N, C-alpha and C. Protein backbone atom coordinates (compact mmCIF):
# COMPACT_ATOMS: atom_id res chain seq x y z
N UNK A 1 37.17 -26.71 30.74
CA UNK A 1 37.05 -26.86 32.18
C UNK A 1 37.65 -28.17 32.67
N UNK A 2 38.26 -28.95 31.78
CA UNK A 2 38.99 -30.13 32.20
C UNK A 2 38.16 -31.37 32.44
N UNK A 3 36.85 -31.32 32.19
CA UNK A 3 36.03 -32.50 32.45
C UNK A 3 36.00 -33.48 31.28
N UNK A 4 36.69 -33.15 30.19
CA UNK A 4 36.79 -34.06 29.05
C UNK A 4 35.63 -33.99 28.08
N UNK A 5 34.63 -33.18 28.39
CA UNK A 5 33.49 -33.07 27.49
C UNK A 5 33.77 -32.03 26.40
N UNK A 6 33.23 -32.28 25.23
CA UNK A 6 33.41 -31.37 24.10
C UNK A 6 32.65 -30.07 24.34
N UNK A 7 33.23 -28.99 23.88
CA UNK A 7 32.57 -27.68 23.97
C UNK A 7 31.66 -27.46 22.77
N UNK A 8 31.71 -28.34 21.79
CA UNK A 8 30.93 -28.19 20.56
C UNK A 8 29.59 -28.90 20.72
N UNK A 9 28.54 -28.34 20.12
CA UNK A 9 27.25 -29.04 20.14
C UNK A 9 27.39 -30.41 19.48
N UNK A 10 26.72 -31.44 20.01
CA UNK A 10 26.88 -32.78 19.45
C UNK A 10 26.47 -32.88 17.99
N UNK A 11 25.58 -32.01 17.54
CA UNK A 11 25.13 -32.07 16.15
C UNK A 11 26.11 -31.40 15.19
N UNK A 12 27.08 -30.65 15.71
CA UNK A 12 28.00 -29.93 14.85
C UNK A 12 28.91 -30.90 14.09
N UNK A 13 28.98 -30.69 12.80
CA UNK A 13 29.87 -31.48 11.95
C UNK A 13 31.11 -30.66 11.67
N UNK A 14 32.24 -31.31 11.76
CA UNK A 14 33.52 -30.65 11.48
C UNK A 14 34.06 -31.27 10.21
N UNK A 15 33.81 -30.60 9.09
CA UNK A 15 34.22 -31.09 7.77
C UNK A 15 35.63 -30.62 7.45
N UNK A 16 36.45 -31.54 6.97
CA UNK A 16 37.81 -31.20 6.57
C UNK A 16 37.88 -31.30 5.05
N UNK A 17 38.29 -30.20 4.44
CA UNK A 17 38.38 -30.14 2.98
C UNK A 17 39.67 -30.81 2.50
N UNK A 18 39.77 -31.06 1.20
CA UNK A 18 41.02 -31.61 0.67
C UNK A 18 42.22 -30.70 0.91
N UNK A 19 41.95 -29.42 1.15
CA UNK A 19 43.03 -28.46 1.44
C UNK A 19 43.35 -28.41 2.93
N UNK A 20 42.73 -29.31 3.71
CA UNK A 20 42.93 -29.42 5.16
C UNK A 20 42.38 -28.23 5.93
N UNK A 21 41.33 -27.62 5.41
CA UNK A 21 40.62 -26.54 6.10
C UNK A 21 39.41 -27.17 6.79
N UNK A 22 39.20 -26.82 8.05
CA UNK A 22 38.07 -27.36 8.81
C UNK A 22 36.91 -26.36 8.76
N UNK A 23 35.75 -26.87 8.37
CA UNK A 23 34.52 -26.07 8.33
C UNK A 23 33.55 -26.65 9.35
N UNK A 24 32.94 -25.79 10.16
CA UNK A 24 31.99 -26.22 11.17
C UNK A 24 30.58 -25.95 10.67
N UNK A 25 29.75 -26.98 10.63
CA UNK A 25 28.36 -26.82 10.20
C UNK A 25 27.44 -27.50 11.20
N UNK A 26 26.36 -26.81 11.54
CA UNK A 26 25.40 -27.32 12.52
C UNK A 26 24.16 -27.92 11.90
N UNK A 27 23.92 -27.62 10.63
CA UNK A 27 22.66 -28.03 10.03
C UNK A 27 22.80 -28.16 8.52
N UNK A 28 21.78 -28.74 7.93
CA UNK A 28 21.74 -28.84 6.47
C UNK A 28 21.76 -27.45 5.84
N UNK A 29 21.09 -26.50 6.49
CA UNK A 29 21.07 -25.13 5.95
C UNK A 29 22.47 -24.51 5.96
N UNK A 30 23.22 -24.74 7.03
CA UNK A 30 24.59 -24.22 7.07
C UNK A 30 25.46 -24.90 6.03
N UNK A 31 25.24 -26.19 5.82
CA UNK A 31 25.99 -26.89 4.77
C UNK A 31 25.62 -26.34 3.40
N UNK A 32 24.34 -26.07 3.20
CA UNK A 32 23.88 -25.50 1.93
C UNK A 32 24.57 -24.15 1.68
N UNK A 33 24.71 -23.35 2.72
CA UNK A 33 25.40 -22.06 2.59
C UNK A 33 26.88 -22.26 2.28
N UNK A 34 27.51 -23.23 2.92
CA UNK A 34 28.92 -23.53 2.64
C UNK A 34 29.08 -23.97 1.19
N UNK A 35 28.19 -24.83 0.73
CA UNK A 35 28.21 -25.31 -0.65
C UNK A 35 28.10 -24.13 -1.61
N UNK A 36 27.19 -23.21 -1.31
CA UNK A 36 27.01 -22.04 -2.16
C UNK A 36 28.27 -21.17 -2.15
N UNK A 37 28.78 -20.91 -0.95
CA UNK A 37 29.95 -20.03 -0.81
C UNK A 37 31.19 -20.60 -1.51
N UNK A 38 31.37 -21.91 -1.43
CA UNK A 38 32.54 -22.54 -2.04
C UNK A 38 32.30 -22.97 -3.49
N UNK A 39 31.07 -22.74 -3.96
CA UNK A 39 30.69 -23.11 -5.33
C UNK A 39 30.92 -24.60 -5.60
N UNK A 40 30.44 -25.41 -4.68
CA UNK A 40 30.55 -26.86 -4.78
C UNK A 40 29.42 -27.37 -5.66
N UNK A 41 29.73 -28.29 -6.57
CA UNK A 41 28.69 -28.81 -7.46
C UNK A 41 27.71 -29.70 -6.70
N UNK A 42 26.56 -29.94 -7.32
CA UNK A 42 25.47 -30.65 -6.64
C UNK A 42 25.84 -32.09 -6.27
N UNK A 43 26.63 -32.76 -7.09
CA UNK A 43 27.02 -34.13 -6.77
C UNK A 43 27.84 -34.17 -5.49
N UNK A 44 28.84 -33.30 -5.39
CA UNK A 44 29.66 -33.25 -4.17
C UNK A 44 28.81 -32.77 -2.99
N UNK A 45 27.90 -31.84 -3.23
CA UNK A 45 27.02 -31.37 -2.16
C UNK A 45 26.23 -32.54 -1.57
N UNK A 46 25.71 -33.40 -2.44
CA UNK A 46 25.00 -34.59 -1.97
C UNK A 46 25.91 -35.52 -1.20
N UNK A 47 27.13 -35.68 -1.68
CA UNK A 47 28.10 -36.52 -0.97
C UNK A 47 28.45 -35.94 0.40
N UNK A 48 28.51 -34.62 0.49
CA UNK A 48 28.79 -33.99 1.79
C UNK A 48 27.61 -34.17 2.74
N UNK A 49 26.39 -34.12 2.22
CA UNK A 49 25.22 -34.40 3.07
C UNK A 49 25.29 -35.84 3.59
N UNK A 50 25.72 -36.75 2.73
CA UNK A 50 25.90 -38.14 3.15
C UNK A 50 27.00 -38.25 4.20
N UNK A 51 28.09 -37.55 3.97
CA UNK A 51 29.21 -37.55 4.91
C UNK A 51 28.76 -37.08 6.29
N UNK A 52 27.89 -36.09 6.31
CA UNK A 52 27.38 -35.56 7.58
C UNK A 52 26.29 -36.45 8.18
N UNK A 53 25.84 -37.44 7.42
CA UNK A 53 24.77 -38.31 7.91
C UNK A 53 23.39 -37.73 7.73
N UNK A 54 23.27 -36.72 6.88
CA UNK A 54 21.99 -36.05 6.66
C UNK A 54 21.29 -36.52 5.40
N UNK A 55 21.85 -37.51 4.74
CA UNK A 55 21.24 -38.08 3.54
C UNK A 55 21.70 -39.52 3.43
N UNK A 56 20.79 -40.42 3.07
CA UNK A 56 21.16 -41.83 2.95
C UNK A 56 22.14 -42.04 1.81
N UNK A 57 22.94 -43.08 1.97
CA UNK A 57 23.92 -43.46 0.95
C UNK A 57 23.37 -44.66 0.21
N UNK A 58 22.71 -44.43 -0.89
CA UNK A 58 22.23 -45.48 -1.78
C UNK A 58 21.46 -46.62 -1.16
N UNK A 59 22.14 -47.54 -0.52
CA UNK A 59 21.51 -48.78 -0.08
C UNK A 59 21.02 -48.73 1.37
N UNK A 60 20.59 -47.57 1.81
CA UNK A 60 20.00 -47.45 3.14
C UNK A 60 20.98 -47.13 4.25
N UNK A 61 22.27 -47.09 3.93
CA UNK A 61 23.26 -46.73 4.95
C UNK A 61 23.26 -45.22 5.12
N UNK A 62 23.50 -44.79 6.33
CA UNK A 62 23.59 -43.36 6.60
C UNK A 62 25.06 -43.00 6.78
N UNK A 63 25.49 -41.97 6.10
CA UNK A 63 26.86 -41.49 6.24
C UNK A 63 27.84 -42.17 5.32
N UNK A 64 29.01 -41.62 5.26
CA UNK A 64 30.12 -42.15 4.47
C UNK A 64 31.39 -41.62 5.10
N UNK A 65 32.54 -42.13 4.70
CA UNK A 65 33.80 -41.72 5.30
C UNK A 65 34.54 -40.66 4.52
N UNK A 66 34.38 -40.69 3.19
CA UNK A 66 35.07 -39.74 2.32
C UNK A 66 34.13 -39.24 1.24
N UNK A 67 34.37 -38.03 0.80
CA UNK A 67 33.62 -37.46 -0.31
C UNK A 67 34.56 -36.56 -1.10
N UNK A 68 35.15 -37.10 -2.15
CA UNK A 68 36.07 -36.33 -3.01
C UNK A 68 37.14 -35.60 -2.22
N UNK A 69 37.74 -36.31 -1.28
CA UNK A 69 38.82 -35.72 -0.49
C UNK A 69 38.35 -35.03 0.78
N UNK A 70 37.05 -34.88 0.96
CA UNK A 70 36.50 -34.31 2.19
C UNK A 70 36.27 -35.43 3.19
N UNK A 71 36.40 -35.13 4.47
CA UNK A 71 36.11 -36.10 5.51
C UNK A 71 35.69 -35.35 6.76
N UNK A 72 35.34 -36.09 7.78
CA UNK A 72 35.02 -35.49 9.08
C UNK A 72 36.28 -35.47 9.93
N UNK A 73 36.42 -34.45 10.74
CA UNK A 73 37.64 -34.26 11.52
C UNK A 73 37.97 -35.49 12.37
N UNK A 74 36.98 -36.11 12.96
CA UNK A 74 37.28 -37.25 13.83
C UNK A 74 37.75 -38.48 13.04
N UNK A 75 37.62 -38.45 11.71
CA UNK A 75 38.10 -39.56 10.88
C UNK A 75 39.49 -39.31 10.30
N UNK A 76 40.02 -38.12 10.51
CA UNK A 76 41.36 -37.80 10.00
C UNK A 76 42.38 -38.66 10.72
N UNK A 77 43.31 -39.19 9.96
CA UNK A 77 44.39 -39.99 10.54
C UNK A 77 45.68 -39.17 10.47
N UNK A 78 46.55 -39.45 11.40
CA UNK A 78 47.80 -38.69 11.50
C UNK A 78 48.97 -39.66 11.41
N UNK A 79 49.96 -39.28 10.65
CA UNK A 79 51.16 -40.10 10.50
C UNK A 79 52.35 -39.35 11.10
N UNK A 80 53.22 -40.11 11.76
CA UNK A 80 54.45 -39.51 12.29
C UNK A 80 55.62 -40.31 11.75
N UNK A 81 56.56 -39.59 11.20
CA UNK A 81 57.77 -40.26 10.69
C UNK A 81 58.67 -40.63 11.86
N UNK A 82 59.32 -41.78 11.75
CA UNK A 82 60.28 -42.18 12.78
C UNK A 82 61.32 -41.09 12.96
N UNK A 83 61.61 -40.78 14.20
CA UNK A 83 62.63 -39.79 14.51
C UNK A 83 62.16 -38.35 14.38
N UNK A 84 60.91 -38.13 14.04
CA UNK A 84 60.39 -36.77 13.88
C UNK A 84 59.33 -36.53 14.96
N UNK A 85 59.16 -35.28 15.31
CA UNK A 85 58.14 -34.94 16.29
C UNK A 85 56.92 -34.28 15.66
N UNK A 86 56.91 -34.18 14.34
CA UNK A 86 55.77 -33.58 13.66
C UNK A 86 54.89 -34.67 13.07
N UNK A 87 53.63 -34.32 12.89
CA UNK A 87 52.65 -35.25 12.33
C UNK A 87 52.17 -34.74 10.98
N UNK A 88 51.77 -35.68 10.14
CA UNK A 88 51.28 -35.36 8.80
C UNK A 88 49.82 -35.78 8.74
N UNK A 89 48.97 -34.91 8.23
CA UNK A 89 47.56 -35.23 8.06
C UNK A 89 47.42 -36.25 6.94
N UNK A 90 46.67 -37.32 7.21
CA UNK A 90 46.45 -38.37 6.21
C UNK A 90 44.95 -38.49 5.96
N UNK A 91 44.52 -37.97 4.82
CA UNK A 91 43.11 -38.01 4.46
C UNK A 91 42.96 -38.78 3.16
N UNK A 92 42.02 -39.70 3.14
CA UNK A 92 41.74 -40.43 1.91
C UNK A 92 41.99 -41.91 2.05
N UNK A 93 41.98 -42.56 0.92
CA UNK A 93 42.25 -43.99 0.87
C UNK A 93 43.76 -44.20 0.91
N UNK A 94 44.17 -45.42 1.14
CA UNK A 94 45.61 -45.71 1.18
C UNK A 94 46.33 -45.25 -0.10
N UNK A 95 45.79 -45.54 -1.30
CA UNK A 95 46.48 -45.05 -2.50
C UNK A 95 46.56 -43.52 -2.56
N UNK A 96 45.50 -42.85 -2.13
CA UNK A 96 45.52 -41.38 -2.14
C UNK A 96 46.54 -40.84 -1.16
N UNK A 97 46.63 -41.46 0.01
CA UNK A 97 47.58 -41.02 1.02
C UNK A 97 49.01 -41.27 0.55
N UNK A 98 49.26 -42.45 -0.01
CA UNK A 98 50.62 -42.76 -0.50
C UNK A 98 51.04 -41.77 -1.58
N UNK A 99 50.09 -41.33 -2.38
CA UNK A 99 50.40 -40.38 -3.45
C UNK A 99 50.63 -38.97 -2.89
N UNK A 100 49.84 -38.59 -1.87
CA UNK A 100 49.86 -37.22 -1.37
C UNK A 100 50.99 -36.92 -0.38
N UNK A 101 51.41 -37.92 0.37
CA UNK A 101 52.42 -37.68 1.42
C UNK A 101 53.81 -37.92 0.85
N UNK A 102 54.62 -36.86 0.77
CA UNK A 102 55.97 -37.00 0.22
C UNK A 102 56.79 -38.06 0.95
N UNK A 103 57.42 -38.93 0.18
CA UNK A 103 58.30 -39.95 0.73
C UNK A 103 57.62 -41.21 1.23
N UNK A 104 56.31 -41.22 1.27
CA UNK A 104 55.60 -42.38 1.82
C UNK A 104 55.71 -43.60 0.91
N UNK A 105 55.74 -43.39 -0.39
CA UNK A 105 55.88 -44.52 -1.31
C UNK A 105 57.21 -45.24 -1.09
N UNK A 106 58.22 -44.49 -0.72
CA UNK A 106 59.54 -45.09 -0.53
C UNK A 106 59.62 -45.94 0.74
N UNK A 107 58.78 -45.66 1.72
CA UNK A 107 58.87 -46.40 2.99
C UNK A 107 57.73 -47.41 3.18
N UNK A 108 56.81 -47.46 2.24
CA UNK A 108 55.76 -48.48 2.28
C UNK A 108 55.82 -49.24 0.96
N UNK A 109 55.73 -50.55 1.04
CA UNK A 109 55.89 -51.35 -0.17
C UNK A 109 54.63 -51.43 -1.02
N UNK A 110 53.47 -51.15 -0.41
CA UNK A 110 52.22 -51.25 -1.17
C UNK A 110 51.10 -50.48 -0.48
N UNK A 111 50.03 -50.27 -1.23
CA UNK A 111 48.84 -49.65 -0.64
C UNK A 111 48.28 -50.54 0.47
N UNK A 112 48.34 -51.85 0.26
CA UNK A 112 47.83 -52.78 1.28
C UNK A 112 48.62 -52.66 2.58
N UNK A 113 49.94 -52.51 2.47
CA UNK A 113 50.76 -52.36 3.68
C UNK A 113 50.36 -51.09 4.43
N UNK A 114 50.18 -49.99 3.70
CA UNK A 114 49.78 -48.74 4.34
C UNK A 114 48.39 -48.89 4.96
N UNK A 115 47.49 -49.54 4.26
CA UNK A 115 46.14 -49.75 4.79
C UNK A 115 46.19 -50.49 6.12
N UNK A 116 47.02 -51.51 6.21
CA UNK A 116 47.17 -52.26 7.46
C UNK A 116 47.73 -51.37 8.56
N UNK A 117 48.69 -50.53 8.22
CA UNK A 117 49.26 -49.61 9.21
C UNK A 117 48.21 -48.62 9.71
N UNK A 118 47.42 -48.09 8.78
CA UNK A 118 46.41 -47.10 9.15
C UNK A 118 45.29 -47.69 9.99
N UNK A 119 44.95 -48.94 9.71
CA UNK A 119 43.84 -49.57 10.42
C UNK A 119 44.26 -50.31 11.68
N UNK A 120 45.55 -50.27 11.97
CA UNK A 120 46.05 -50.89 13.19
C UNK A 120 46.17 -52.34 13.02
């Protein structure tokens, strides 16, 4: 309707898999069903609960940014090559992104350089 508000419930989590598939989950129960359906092991399941903010991360912090290549949609970063109009999904740490994105190693001198670019 053009008012800029999201059509999704605020509690809905939009999980992005390492394969760049987005899964929508509203609750721990829906996440549990997704874990069962995708045959995700218990360790990753716990990490996904942390990613969604539904389980503490060790030292009292709630949530995390990555879980074995999974992330939340709003944390996905996008890269655009100079002279191109297409964007590349960048998920993971700087070393993971440099490894996954074809040609990125050739145009960035180090993981630290890419990290600075990603973080502005």
